[in-house]
Amino acid sequence: MITFEGMDRRMPKIEACLHQYGIADLEAARALCLQHGIDVESIVKGIQPIAFDNAVWAYTIGTAVALAAGTREATEAARKIGEGLQAFTVPGSVAETREVGTGHGNLAAMLLDEDTRCFCLLAGHESFAAAEGGIGFALLRCGFRRYVSGALEQDTLFEANYSGAGQAGLRRGVYFFSQAVSVAEAQEEAAFVLQMLAGRPLELPIFYDWETVTAEEGRANGLDGKTVTACAAAFCRAIEQAGYTAGIYFNLQMGYHTYNLSPLKDYTLWIAEPGKYPSFYYHAALWQYDHSGTVPGIDTPADRNLLFEGL
């Protein structure tokens, strides 16, 4: 029995695409590929052993479409595979609205085209796997400071998330939700995080996430930008002195009107700006583009991020 994440939402588009090319169903699509000696599952999982079944079926559909269409040129086959990838996207998802599947087909066609003399892919290109839930890294909340009492607490899910992400082969980074109102408190938060990690490895930075809260009694609400910047710098210095890489998470409002980024330029910046593309003027290595993403294994909407460069 064929099953994959989001199957009910995906099937109407998948069936319409298959029927357009005279393919009865998903089983027929898989059989067509195998008939031509193409084991899509083996290819996909040979490239990425932890790939979700979604990736296997998306490329099965695309390959079957290319075969059924009778394509003979590699560039045209790539575009047809892109049609299948696009058919697999969830209606209303980021992947559908950005036409990520079609874009991947076109991208592959450009790479395969004999007329292509020079090809440059700018950092930030979103992979089909990322858009559809395939994950390459995880940014885990390790702890937080309570916004009224100021008490420091470890996230109750951190240990399980850290272990699970590692077992899945994901690159791990962490963030601490700060409500620091002084440099001394920011240093205290850094020490708390370092004690929690106890020297364990991270593949991505430790991020300082200072935010105001909607509750009127929020202890950090109204803090001036100079102090916020000093707190971020103090936190990051302490983290890097311990041998980790440090970073700062913020949204557009904070990036332009709260933080003074000059003294923070040597730390990794992570910008939260939901939308089709980031507009933040300054360089950021991470972009949080969606606050309501669907990720296999997570029952609630999840934040989704793109990593623009290797860290």
C-alpha atoms as a PDB file:
ATOM      1  CA  MET A   1       0.000   0.000   0.000  1.00  0.00           C
ATOM      2  CA  ILE A   2       1.377   3.379  -1.016  1.00  0.00           C
ATOM      3  CA  THR A   3       1.483   6.030   1.724  1.00  0.00           C
ATOM      4  CA  PHE A   4       3.375   9.275   2.164  1.00  0.00           C
ATOM      5  CA  GLU A   5       3.040  12.526   4.112  1.00  0.00           C
ATOM      6  CA  GLY A   6       0.165  14.770   3.004  1.00  0.00           C
ATOM      7  CA  MET A   7      -1.184  12.131   0.603  1.00  0.00           C
ATOM      8  CA  ASP A   8      -4.828  13.253   0.767  1.00  0.00           C
ATOM      9  CA  ARG A   9      -3.925  16.843  -0.062  1.00  0.00           C
ATOM     10  CA  ARG A  10      -1.521  15.919  -2.841  1.00  0.00           C
ATOM     11  CA  MET A  11      -3.469  13.236  -4.715  1.00  0.00           C
ATOM     12  CA  PRO A  12      -5.870  15.404  -6.779  1.00  0.00           C
ATOM     13  CA  LYS A  13      -2.954  17.204  -8.464  1.00  0.00           C
ATOM     14  CA  ILE A  14      -0.934  13.996  -8.775  1.00  0.00           C
ATOM     15  CA  GLU A  15      -3.798  12.104 -10.425  1.00  0.00           C
ATOM     16  CA  ALA A  16      -4.525  14.954 -12.838  1.00  0.00           C
ATOM     17  CA  CYS A  17      -0.882  14.997 -13.915  1.00  0.00           C
ATOM     18  CA  LEU A  18      -0.651  11.223 -14.330  1.00  0.00           C
ATOM     19  CA  HIS A  19      -3.906  10.990 -16.278  1.00  0.00           C
ATOM     20  CA  GLN A  20      -2.737  13.765 -18.602  1.00  0.00           C
ATOM     21  CA  TYR A  21       0.023  11.394 -19.721  1.00  0.00           C
ATOM     22  CA  GLY A  22      -2.097   8.259 -19.765  1.00  0.00           C
ATOM     23  CA  ILE A  23      -0.777   6.843 -16.492  1.00  0.00           C
ATOM     24  CA  ALA A  24      -3.483   5.202 -14.388  1.00  0.00           C
ATOM     25  CA  ASP A  25      -2.074   5.639 -10.892  1.00  0.00           C
ATOM     26  CA  LEU A  26       1.067   5.708  -8.750  1.00  0.00           C
ATOM     27  CA  GLU A  27       1.603   1.966  -9.023  1.00  0.00           C
ATOM     28  CA  ALA A  28       1.495   2.283 -12.800  1.00  0.00           C
ATOM     29  CA  ALA A  29       3.974   5.163 -12.625  1.00  0.00           C
ATOM     30  CA  ARG A  30       6.408   3.051 -10.599  1.00  0.00           C
ATOM     31  CA  ALA A  31       5.935   0.080 -12.929  1.00  0.00           C
ATOM     32  CA  LEU A  32       6.645   2.248 -15.974  1.00  0.00           C
ATOM     33  CA  CYS A  33       9.919   3.423 -14.452  1.00  0.00           C
ATOM     34  CA  LEU A  34      11.009  -0.121 -13.540  1.00  0.00           C
ATOM     35  CA  GLN A  35      10.026  -1.342 -17.010  1.00  0.00           C
ATOM     36  CA  HIS A  36      12.638   1.050 -18.397  1.00  0.00           C
ATOM     37  CA  GLY A  37      15.245  -0.057 -15.869  1.00  0.00           C
ATOM     38  CA  ILE A  38      14.905   2.990 -13.621  1.00  0.00           C
ATOM     39  CA  ASP A  39      14.625   2.200  -9.906  1.00  0.00           C
ATOM     40  CA  VAL A  40      13.781   5.671  -8.624  1.00  0.00           C
ATOM     41  CA  GLU A  41      13.767   4.689  -4.959  1.00  0.00           C
ATOM     42  CA  SER A  42      17.265   3.227  -5.159  1.00  0.00           C
ATOM     43  CA  ILE A  43      18.553   6.313  -6.953  1.00  0.00           C
ATOM     44  CA  VAL A  44      16.998   8.789  -4.499  1.00  0.00           C
ATOM     45  CA  LYS A  45      18.066   6.914  -1.381  1.00  0.00           C
ATOM     46  CA  GLY A  46      21.458   6.210  -2.860  1.00  0.00           C
ATOM     47  CA  ILE A  47      22.008   9.963  -3.046  1.00  0.00           C
ATOM     48  CA  GLN A  48      20.353  10.775   0.286  1.00  0.00           C
ATOM     49  CA  PRO A  49      19.859   7.743   2.576  1.00  0.00           C
ATOM     50  CA  ILE A  50      17.562   9.652   4.961  1.00  0.00           C
ATOM     51  CA  ALA A  51      15.281  10.933   2.192  1.00  0.00           C
ATOM     52  CA  PHE A  52      11.563  10.870   2.972  1.00  0.00           C
ATOM     53  CA  ASP A  53       9.187   8.752   0.884  1.00  0.00           C
ATOM     54  CA  ASN A  54       7.852  12.055  -0.448  1.00  0.00           C
ATOM     55  CA  ALA A  55      11.046  12.565  -2.426  1.00  0.00           C
ATOM     56  CA  VAL A  56      10.872   9.031  -3.833  1.00  0.00           C
ATOM     57  CA  TRP A  57       7.317   9.465  -5.063  1.00  0.00           C
ATOM     58  CA  ALA A  58       7.821  12.988  -6.368  1.00  0.00           C
ATOM     59  CA  TYR A  59      10.670  11.810  -8.581  1.00  0.00           C
ATOM     60  CA  THR A  60       8.797   8.631  -9.521  1.00  0.00           C
ATOM     61  CA  ILE A  61       5.969  10.775 -10.862  1.00  0.00           C
ATOM     62  CA  GLY A  62       8.365  13.064 -12.702  1.00  0.00           C
ATOM     63  CA  THR A  63      10.307  10.195 -14.252  1.00  0.00           C
ATOM     64  CA  ALA A  64       7.116   8.422 -15.325  1.00  0.00           C
ATOM     65  CA  VAL A  65       5.851  11.624 -16.952  1.00  0.00           C
ATOM     66  CA  ALA A  66       9.106  11.997 -18.887  1.00  0.00           C
ATOM     67  CA  LEU A  67       8.901   8.387 -20.076  1.00  0.00           C
ATOM     68  CA  ALA A  68       5.224   8.546 -20.993  1.00  0.00           C
ATOM     69  CA  ALA A  69       5.818  11.743 -22.951  1.00  0.00           C
ATOM     70  CA  GLY A  70       8.391   9.918 -25.057  1.00  0.00           C
ATOM     71  CA  THR A  71      11.155  12.429 -24.405  1.00  0.00           C
ATOM     72  CA  ARG A  72      14.492  11.697 -26.037  1.00  0.00           C
ATOM     73  CA  GLU A  73      16.513  14.782 -25.137  1.00  0.00           C
ATOM     74  CA  ALA A  74      17.950  15.173 -21.631  1.00  0.00           C
ATOM     75  CA  THR A  75      16.847  18.807 -21.395  1.00  0.00           C
ATOM     76  CA  GLU A  76      13.235  17.962 -22.248  1.00  0.00           C
ATOM     77  CA  ALA A  77      13.266  15.005 -19.844  1.00  0.00           C
ATOM     78  CA  ALA A  78      14.422  17.342 -17.074  1.00  0.00           C
ATOM     79  CA  ARG A  79      11.538  19.732 -17.745  1.00  0.00           C
ATOM     80  CA  LYS A  80       9.036  16.851 -17.733  1.00  0.00           C
ATOM     81  CA  ILE A  81      10.444  15.614 -14.431  1.00  0.00           C
ATOM     82  CA  GLY A  82       9.884  19.153 -13.160  1.00  0.00           C
ATOM     83  CA  GLU A  83       6.216  18.851 -14.122  1.00  0.00           C
ATOM     84  CA  GLY A  84       5.935  15.758 -11.970  1.00  0.00           C
ATOM     85  CA  LEU A  85       7.682  17.442  -9.057  1.00  0.00           C
ATOM     86  CA  GLN A  86       5.322  20.382  -9.309  1.00  0.00           C
ATOM     87  CA  ALA A  87       2.295  18.068  -9.360  1.00  0.00           C
ATOM     88  CA  PHE A  88       3.491  16.590  -6.053  1.00  0.00           C
ATOM     89  CA  THR A  89       3.520  19.929  -4.213  1.00  0.00           C
ATOM     90  CA  VAL A  90       0.832  20.598  -1.614  1.00  0.00           C
ATOM     91  CA  PRO A  91      -1.833  23.057  -2.814  1.00  0.00           C
ATOM     92  CA  GLY A  92      -1.187  26.459  -1.261  1.00  0.00           C
ATOM     93  CA  SER A  93       2.281  25.519  -0.005  1.00  0.00           C
ATOM     94  CA  VAL A  94       5.444  27.555  -0.473  1.00  0.00           C
ATOM     95  CA  ALA A  95       6.663  24.918  -2.931  1.00  0.00           C
ATOM     96  CA  GLU A  96       3.533  25.259  -5.064  1.00  0.00           C
ATOM     97  CA  THR A  97       3.329  29.039  -5.105  1.00  0.00           C
ATOM     98  CA  ARG A  98       7.024  29.397  -5.950  1.00  0.00           C
ATOM     99  CA  GLU A  99       6.766  26.627  -8.557  1.00  0.00           C
ATOM    100  CA  VAL A 100       9.735  24.922  -6.961  1.00  0.00           C
ATOM    101  CA  GLY A 101       9.160  21.665  -8.870  1.00  0.00           C
ATOM    102  CA  THR A 102       8.971  23.387 -12.248  1.00  0.00           C
ATOM    103  CA  GLY A 103      11.988  25.475 -11.304  1.00  0.00           C
ATOM    104  CA  HIS A 104      14.045  22.394 -10.533  1.00  0.00           C
ATOM    105  CA  GLY A 105      13.197  20.906 -13.888  1.00  0.00           C
ATOM    106  CA  ASN A 106      14.200  24.113 -15.651  1.00  0.00           C
ATOM    107  CA  LEU A 107      17.385  24.334 -13.589  1.00  0.00           C
ATOM    108  CA  ALA A 108      18.394  20.796 -14.537  1.00  0.00           C
ATOM    109  CA  ALA A 109      17.576  21.534 -18.180  1.00  0.00           C
ATOM    110  CA  MET A 110      19.909  24.525 -18.120  1.00  0.00           C
ATOM    111  CA  LEU A 111      22.708  22.410 -16.691  1.00  0.00           C
ATOM    112  CA  LEU A 112      22.182  19.744 -19.362  1.00  0.00           C
ATOM    113  CA  ASP A 113      21.755  22.102 -22.310  1.00  0.00           C
ATOM    114  CA  GLU A 114      24.707  22.048 -24.676  1.00  0.00           C
ATOM    115  CA  ASP A 115      24.174  25.750 -25.347  1.00  0.00           C
ATOM    116  CA  THR A 116      24.845  26.618 -21.705  1.00  0.00           C
ATOM    117  CA  ARG A 117      28.357  28.062 -21.616  1.00  0.00           C
ATOM    118  CA  CYS A 118      28.419  29.547 -18.131  1.00  0.00           C
ATOM    119  CA  PHE A 119      26.215  28.644 -15.207  1.00  0.00           C
ATOM    120  CA  CYS A 120      26.059  30.440 -11.873  1.00  0.00           C
ATOM    121  CA  LEU A 121      23.698  29.404  -9.081  1.00  0.00           C
ATOM    122  CA  LEU A 122      23.370  32.132  -6.478  1.00  0.00           C
ATOM    123  CA  ALA A 123      23.359  31.012  -2.858  1.00  0.00           C
ATOM    124  CA  GLY A 124      19.868  30.754  -1.511  1.00  0.00           C
ATOM    125  CA  HIS A 125      18.338  28.478  -4.136  1.00  0.00           C
ATOM    126  CA  GLU A 126      15.701  26.422  -2.346  1.00  0.00           C
ATOM    127  CA  SER A 127      15.814  22.699  -2.927  1.00  0.00           C
ATOM    128  CA  PHE A 128      12.684  20.707  -3.656  1.00  0.00           C
ATOM    129  CA  ALA A 129      13.423  18.549  -0.638  1.00  0.00           C
ATOM    130  CA  ALA A 130      13.554  21.557   1.684  1.00  0.00           C
ATOM    131  CA  ALA A 131      10.370  23.005   0.260  1.00  0.00           C
ATOM    132  CA  GLU A 132       8.546  19.714   0.703  1.00  0.00           C
ATOM    133  CA  GLY A 133       9.743  18.877   4.184  1.00  0.00           C
ATOM    134  CA  GLY A 134      13.106  17.224   3.591  1.00  0.00           C
ATOM    135  CA  ILE A 135      15.335  18.679   6.262  1.00  0.00           C
ATOM    136  CA  GLY A 136      19.078  19.272   6.141  1.00  0.00           C
ATOM    137  CA  PHE A 137      19.517  21.011   9.490  1.00  0.00           C
ATOM    138  CA  ALA A 138      17.648  21.790  12.685  1.00  0.00           C
ATOM    139  CA  LEU A 139      17.749  24.885  14.894  1.00  0.00           C
ATOM    140  CA  LEU A 140      16.669  23.777  18.355  1.00  0.00           C
ATOM    141  CA  ARG A 141      15.460  25.914  21.226  1.00  0.00           C
ATOM    142  CA  CYS A 142      17.677  24.921  24.128  1.00  0.00           C
ATOM    143  CA  GLY A 143      16.176  27.200  26.748  1.00  0.00           C
ATOM    144  CA  PHE A 144      14.611  30.516  27.665  1.00  0.00           C
ATOM    145  CA  ARG A 145      14.306  33.222  30.286  1.00  0.00           C
ATOM    146  CA  ARG A 146      10.780  33.782  31.607  1.00  0.00           C
ATOM    147  CA  TYR A 147       9.475  37.187  30.589  1.00  0.00           C
ATOM    148  CA  VAL A 148       8.092  38.127  34.032  1.00  0.00           C
ATOM    149  CA  SER A 149      10.122  36.325  36.702  1.00  0.00           C
ATOM    150  CA  GLY A 150      13.350  36.266  34.716  1.00  0.00           C
ATOM    151  CA  ALA A 151      13.987  32.643  35.676  1.00  0.00           C
ATOM    152  CA  LEU A 152      16.202  30.594  33.349  1.00  0.00           C
ATOM    153  CA  GLU A 153      14.849  27.248  32.137  1.00  0.00           C
ATOM    154  CA  GLN A 154      15.939  24.503  29.786  1.00  0.00           C
ATOM    155  CA  ASP A 155      13.474  23.547  27.048  1.00  0.00           C
ATOM    156  CA  THR A 156      11.938  20.245  28.139  1.00  0.00           C
ATOM    157  CA  LEU A 157      12.239  18.857  24.594  1.00  0.00           C
ATOM    158  CA  PHE A 158      15.813  19.939  23.986  1.00  0.00           C
ATOM    159  CA  GLU A 159      17.562  16.706  24.958  1.00  0.00           C
ATOM    160  CA  ALA A 160      15.224  14.589  22.833  1.00  0.00           C
ATOM    161  CA  ASN A 161      15.453  17.010  19.915  1.00  0.00           C
ATOM    162  CA  TYR A 162      19.244  17.191  20.089  1.00  0.00           C
ATOM    163  CA  SER A 163      19.547  13.419  20.147  1.00  0.00           C
ATOM    164  CA  GLY A 164      16.916  12.859  17.458  1.00  0.00           C
ATOM    165  CA  ALA A 165      18.399  15.415  15.084  1.00  0.00           C
ATOM    166  CA  GLY A 166      21.802  13.824  15.477  1.00  0.00           C
ATOM    167  CA  GLN A 167      20.469  10.336  14.802  1.00  0.00           C
ATOM    168  CA  ALA A 168      18.770  11.642  11.647  1.00  0.00           C
ATOM    169  CA  GLY A 169      22.068  13.016  10.383  1.00  0.00           C
ATOM    170  CA  LEU A 170      20.955  16.639  10.603  1.00  0.00           C
ATOM    171  CA  ARG A 171      23.270  19.560  11.233  1.00  0.00           C
ATOM    172  CA  ARG A 172      22.331  21.084  14.585  1.00  0.00           C
ATOM    173  CA  GLY A 173      22.277  24.621  15.884  1.00  0.00           C
ATOM    174  CA  VAL A 174      20.523  26.010  18.956  1.00  0.00           C
ATOM    175  CA  TYR A 175      18.931  29.239  20.069  1.00  0.00           C
ATOM    176  CA  PHE A 176      18.152  30.732  23.460  1.00  0.00           C
ATOM    177  CA  PHE A 177      15.078  32.917  23.937  1.00  0.00           C
ATOM    178  CA  SER A 178      16.394  35.878  25.872  1.00  0.00           C
ATOM    179  CA  GLN A 179      14.650  38.382  28.082  1.00  0.00           C
ATOM    180  CA  ALA A 180      17.883  39.902  29.333  1.00  0.00           C
ATOM    181  CA  VAL A 181      17.706  43.525  30.466  1.00  0.00           C
ATOM    182  CA  SER A 182      21.437  43.949  31.123  1.00  0.00           C
ATOM    183  CA  VAL A 183      24.809  42.747  29.910  1.00  0.00           C
ATOM    184  CA  ALA A 184      25.199  40.777  33.136  1.00  0.00           C
ATOM    185  CA  GLU A 185      21.971  38.880  32.430  1.00  0.00           C
ATOM    186  CA  ALA A 186      23.038  38.170  28.833  1.00  0.00           C
ATOM    187  CA  GLN A 187      26.306  36.740  30.153  1.00  0.00           C
ATOM    188  CA  GLU A 188      24.321  34.666  32.630  1.00  0.00           C
ATOM    189  CA  GLU A 189      22.233  33.291  29.746  1.00  0.00           C
ATOM    190  CA  ALA A 190      25.345  32.367  27.771  1.00  0.00           C
ATOM    191  CA  ALA A 191      26.769  30.548  30.795  1.00  0.00           C
ATOM    192  CA  PHE A 192      23.459  28.711  31.214  1.00  0.00           C
ATOM    193  CA  VAL A 193      23.548  27.536  27.586  1.00  0.00           C
ATOM    194  CA  LEU A 194      27.173  26.448  27.804  1.00  0.00           C
ATOM    195  CA  GLN A 195      26.511  24.495  30.983  1.00  0.00           C
ATOM    196  CA  MET A 196      23.568  22.812  29.283  1.00  0.00           C
ATOM    197  CA  LEU A 197      25.609  21.816  26.237  1.00  0.00           C
ATOM    198  CA  ALA A 198      28.539  20.646  28.336  1.00  0.00           C
ATOM    199  CA  GLY A 199      30.883  20.674  25.359  1.00  0.00           C
ATOM    200  CA  ARG A 200      28.622  18.656  23.068  1.00  0.00           C
ATOM    201  CA  PRO A 201      29.138  19.272  19.344  1.00  0.00           C
ATOM    202  CA  LEU A 202      27.065  21.607  17.197  1.00  0.00           C
ATOM    203  CA  GLU A 203      27.383  21.956  13.445  1.00  0.00           C
ATOM    204  CA  LEU A 204      25.662  25.363  13.338  1.00  0.00           C
ATOM    205  CA  PRO A 205      25.810  28.414  15.629  1.00  0.00           C
ATOM    206  CA  ILE A 206      24.285  29.155  19.016  1.00  0.00           C
ATOM    207  CA  PHE A 207      21.849  32.011  18.410  1.00  0.00           C
ATOM    208  CA  TYR A 208      20.791  34.816  20.717  1.00  0.00           C
ATOM    209  CA  ASP A 209      17.037  35.355  20.295  1.00  0.00           C
ATOM    210  CA  TRP A 210      15.972  38.500  22.144  1.00  0.00           C
ATOM    211  CA  GLU A 211      12.369  39.547  21.567  1.00  0.00           C
ATOM    212  CA  THR A 212       9.686  41.681  23.140  1.00  0.00           C
ATOM    213  CA  VAL A 213       6.475  39.945  24.197  1.00  0.00           C
ATOM    214  CA  THR A 214       2.825  40.901  23.798  1.00  0.00           C
ATOM    215  CA  ALA A 215       2.166  40.761  27.541  1.00  0.00           C
ATOM    216  CA  GLU A 216       2.327  44.215  29.116  1.00  0.00           C
ATOM    217  CA  GLU A 217       4.301  42.885  32.067  1.00  0.00           C
ATOM    218  CA  GLY A 218       7.153  41.673  29.845  1.00  0.00           C
ATOM    219  CA  ARG A 219      10.342  42.582  31.702  1.00  0.00           C
ATOM    220  CA  ALA A 220      12.324  43.358  28.530  1.00  0.00           C
ATOM    221  CA  ASN A 221       9.642  45.365  26.727  1.00  0.00           C
ATOM    222  CA  GLY A 222      10.783  48.894  25.998  1.00  0.00           C
ATOM    223  CA  LEU A 223      14.490  48.140  26.382  1.00  0.00           C
ATOM    224  CA  ASP A 224      16.565  50.575  24.316  1.00  0.00           C
ATOM    225  CA  GLY A 225      18.492  49.465  21.254  1.00  0.00           C
ATOM    226  CA  LYS A 226      21.886  50.304  22.732  1.00  0.00           C
ATOM    227  CA  THR A 227      21.310  47.925  25.630  1.00  0.00           C
ATOM    228  CA  VAL A 228      19.844  45.204  23.405  1.00  0.00           C
ATOM    229  CA  THR A 229      22.909  45.396  21.151  1.00  0.00           C
ATOM    230  CA  ALA A 230      25.273  45.282  24.132  1.00  0.00           C
ATOM    231  CA  CYS A 231      23.446  42.229  25.489  1.00  0.00           C
ATOM    232  CA  ALA A 232      23.684  40.414  22.149  1.00  0.00           C
ATOM    233  CA  ALA A 233      27.392  41.206  21.856  1.00  0.00           C
ATOM    234  CA  ALA A 234      28.073  40.003  25.409  1.00  0.00           C
ATOM    235  CA  PHE A 235      26.188  36.754  24.830  1.00  0.00           C
ATOM    236  CA  CYS A 236      27.985  36.080  21.543  1.00  0.00           C
ATOM    237  CA  ARG A 237      31.426  36.860  22.965  1.00  0.00           C
ATOM    238  CA  ALA A 238      30.928  34.384  25.779  1.00  0.00           C
ATOM    239  CA  ILE A 239      29.732  31.709  23.357  1.00  0.00           C
ATOM    240  CA  GLU A 240      32.691  32.133  21.019  1.00  0.00           C
ATOM    241  CA  GLN A 241      35.173  32.222  23.888  1.00  0.00           C
ATOM    242  CA  ALA A 242      33.922  28.744  24.730  1.00  0.00           C
ATOM    243  CA  GLY A 243      34.748  27.523  21.211  1.00  0.00           C
ATOM    244  CA  TYR A 244      31.309  27.642  19.608  1.00  0.00           C
ATOM    245  CA  THR A 245      30.080  29.846  16.748  1.00  0.00           C
ATOM    246  CA  ALA A 246      27.628  32.561  17.803  1.00  0.00           C
ATOM    247  CA  GLY A 247      24.775  34.244  15.982  1.00  0.00           C
ATOM    248  CA  ILE A 248      21.811  36.577  16.418  1.00  0.00           C
ATOM    249  CA  TYR A 249      18.183  36.008  15.420  1.00  0.00           C
ATOM    250  CA  PHE A 250      15.914  38.975  14.666  1.00  0.00           C
ATOM    251  CA  ASN A 251      13.132  40.227  12.422  1.00  0.00           C
ATOM    252  CA  LEU A 252      13.168  43.167  10.013  1.00  0.00           C
ATOM    253  CA  GLN A 253      11.924  45.657  12.598  1.00  0.00           C
ATOM    254  CA  MET A 254      14.684  44.757  15.009  1.00  0.00           C
ATOM    255  CA  GLY A 255      17.306  44.565  12.288  1.00  0.00           C
ATOM    256  CA  TYR A 256      16.625  48.100  11.123  1.00  0.00           C
ATOM    257  CA  HIS A 257      15.402  49.879  14.262  1.00  0.00           C
ATOM    258  CA  THR A 258      16.642  48.047  17.369  1.00  0.00           C
ATOM    259  CA  TYR A 259      20.049  46.528  16.778  1.00  0.00           C
ATOM    260  CA  ASN A 260      23.177  48.425  15.866  1.00  0.00           C
ATOM    261  CA  LEU A 261      24.655  45.785  13.594  1.00  0.00           C
ATOM    262  CA  SER A 262      28.126  47.328  13.314  1.00  0.00           C
ATOM    263  CA  PRO A 263      29.516  45.741  16.501  1.00  0.00           C
ATOM    264  CA  LEU A 264      27.712  42.490  15.634  1.00  0.00           C
ATOM    265  CA  LYS A 265      28.988  42.118  12.068  1.00  0.00           C
ATOM    266  CA  ASP A 266      31.340  39.243  12.903  1.00  0.00           C
ATOM    267  CA  TYR A 267      28.524  37.034  14.182  1.00  0.00           C
ATOM    268  CA  THR A 268      26.142  34.918  12.091  1.00  0.00           C
ATOM    269  CA  LEU A 269      22.888  36.738  11.312  1.00  0.00           C
ATOM    270  CA  TRP A 270      19.568  34.899  11.089  1.00  0.00           C
ATOM    271  CA  ILE A 271      16.742  37.027   9.674  1.00  0.00           C
ATOM    272  CA  ALA A 272      13.048  36.240  10.172  1.00  0.00           C
ATOM    273  CA  GLU A 273      11.173  37.600   7.173  1.00  0.00           C
ATOM    274  CA  PRO A 274       8.300  35.409   5.918  1.00  0.00           C
ATOM    275  CA  GLY A 275       7.719  35.782   2.194  1.00  0.00           C
ATOM    276  CA  LYS A 276       8.885  34.812  -1.266  1.00  0.00           C
ATOM    277  CA  TYR A 277      12.335  36.324  -0.917  1.00  0.00           C
ATOM    278  CA  PRO A 278      14.336  38.236   1.711  1.00  0.00           C
ATOM    279  CA  SER A 279      14.600  42.005   1.382  1.00  0.00           C
ATOM    280  CA  PHE A 280      16.893  42.692   4.350  1.00  0.00           C
ATOM    281  CA  TYR A 281      19.606  45.024   3.135  1.00  0.00           C
ATOM    282  CA  TYR A 282      22.476  43.455   5.046  1.00  0.00           C
ATOM    283  CA  HIS A 283      23.985  40.014   4.609  1.00  0.00           C
ATOM    284  CA  ALA A 284      22.368  37.184   6.586  1.00  0.00           C
ATOM    285  CA  ALA A 285      23.429  33.535   6.475  1.00  0.00           C
ATOM    286  CA  LEU A 286      20.020  32.174   7.494  1.00  0.00           C
ATOM    287  CA  TRP A 287      16.558  33.208   6.360  1.00  0.00           C
ATOM    288  CA  GLN A 288      13.373  32.167   8.154  1.00  0.00           C
ATOM    289  CA  TYR A 289      10.896  32.362   5.301  1.00  0.00           C
ATOM    290  CA  ASP A 290       7.845  30.630   6.733  1.00  0.00           C
ATOM    291  CA  HIS A 291       6.172  30.415  10.149  1.00  0.00           C
ATOM    292  CA  SER A 292       3.495  27.882   9.183  1.00  0.00           C
ATOM    293  CA  GLY A 293       5.316  25.154   7.297  1.00  0.00           C
ATOM    294  CA  THR A 294       4.330  21.490   7.182  1.00  0.00           C
ATOM    295  CA  VAL A 295       7.106  19.128   8.230  1.00  0.00           C
ATOM    296  CA  PRO A 296       6.719  15.327   8.376  1.00  0.00           C
ATOM    297  CA  GLY A 297       6.640  14.139  11.983  1.00  0.00           C
ATOM    298  CA  ILE A 298       5.552  17.508  13.412  1.00  0.00           C
ATOM    299  CA  ASP A 299       1.844  17.919  14.102  1.00  0.00           C
ATOM    300  CA  THR A 300       1.869  21.707  14.460  1.00  0.00           C
ATOM    301  CA  PRO A 301       2.946  24.433  11.981  1.00  0.00           C
ATOM    302  CA  ALA A 302       6.721  24.756  11.929  1.00  0.00           C
ATOM    303  CA  ASP A 303       9.138  27.572  11.148  1.00  0.00           C
ATOM    304  CA  ARG A 304      11.182  26.837   8.035  1.00  0.00           C
ATOM    305  CA  ASN A 305      14.573  28.252   7.188  1.00  0.00           C
ATOM    306  CA  LEU A 306      17.073  28.379   4.367  1.00  0.00           C
ATOM    307  CA  LEU A 307      20.815  28.300   4.888  1.00  0.00           C
ATOM    308  CA  PHE A 308      22.444  30.600   2.341  1.00  0.00           C
ATOM    309  CA  GLU A 309      26.019  29.488   2.839  1.00  0.00           C
ATOM    310  CA  GLY A 310      28.025  26.795   4.538  1.00  0.00           C
ATOM    311  CA  LEU A 311      28.678  27.391   8.220  1.00  0.00           C
END
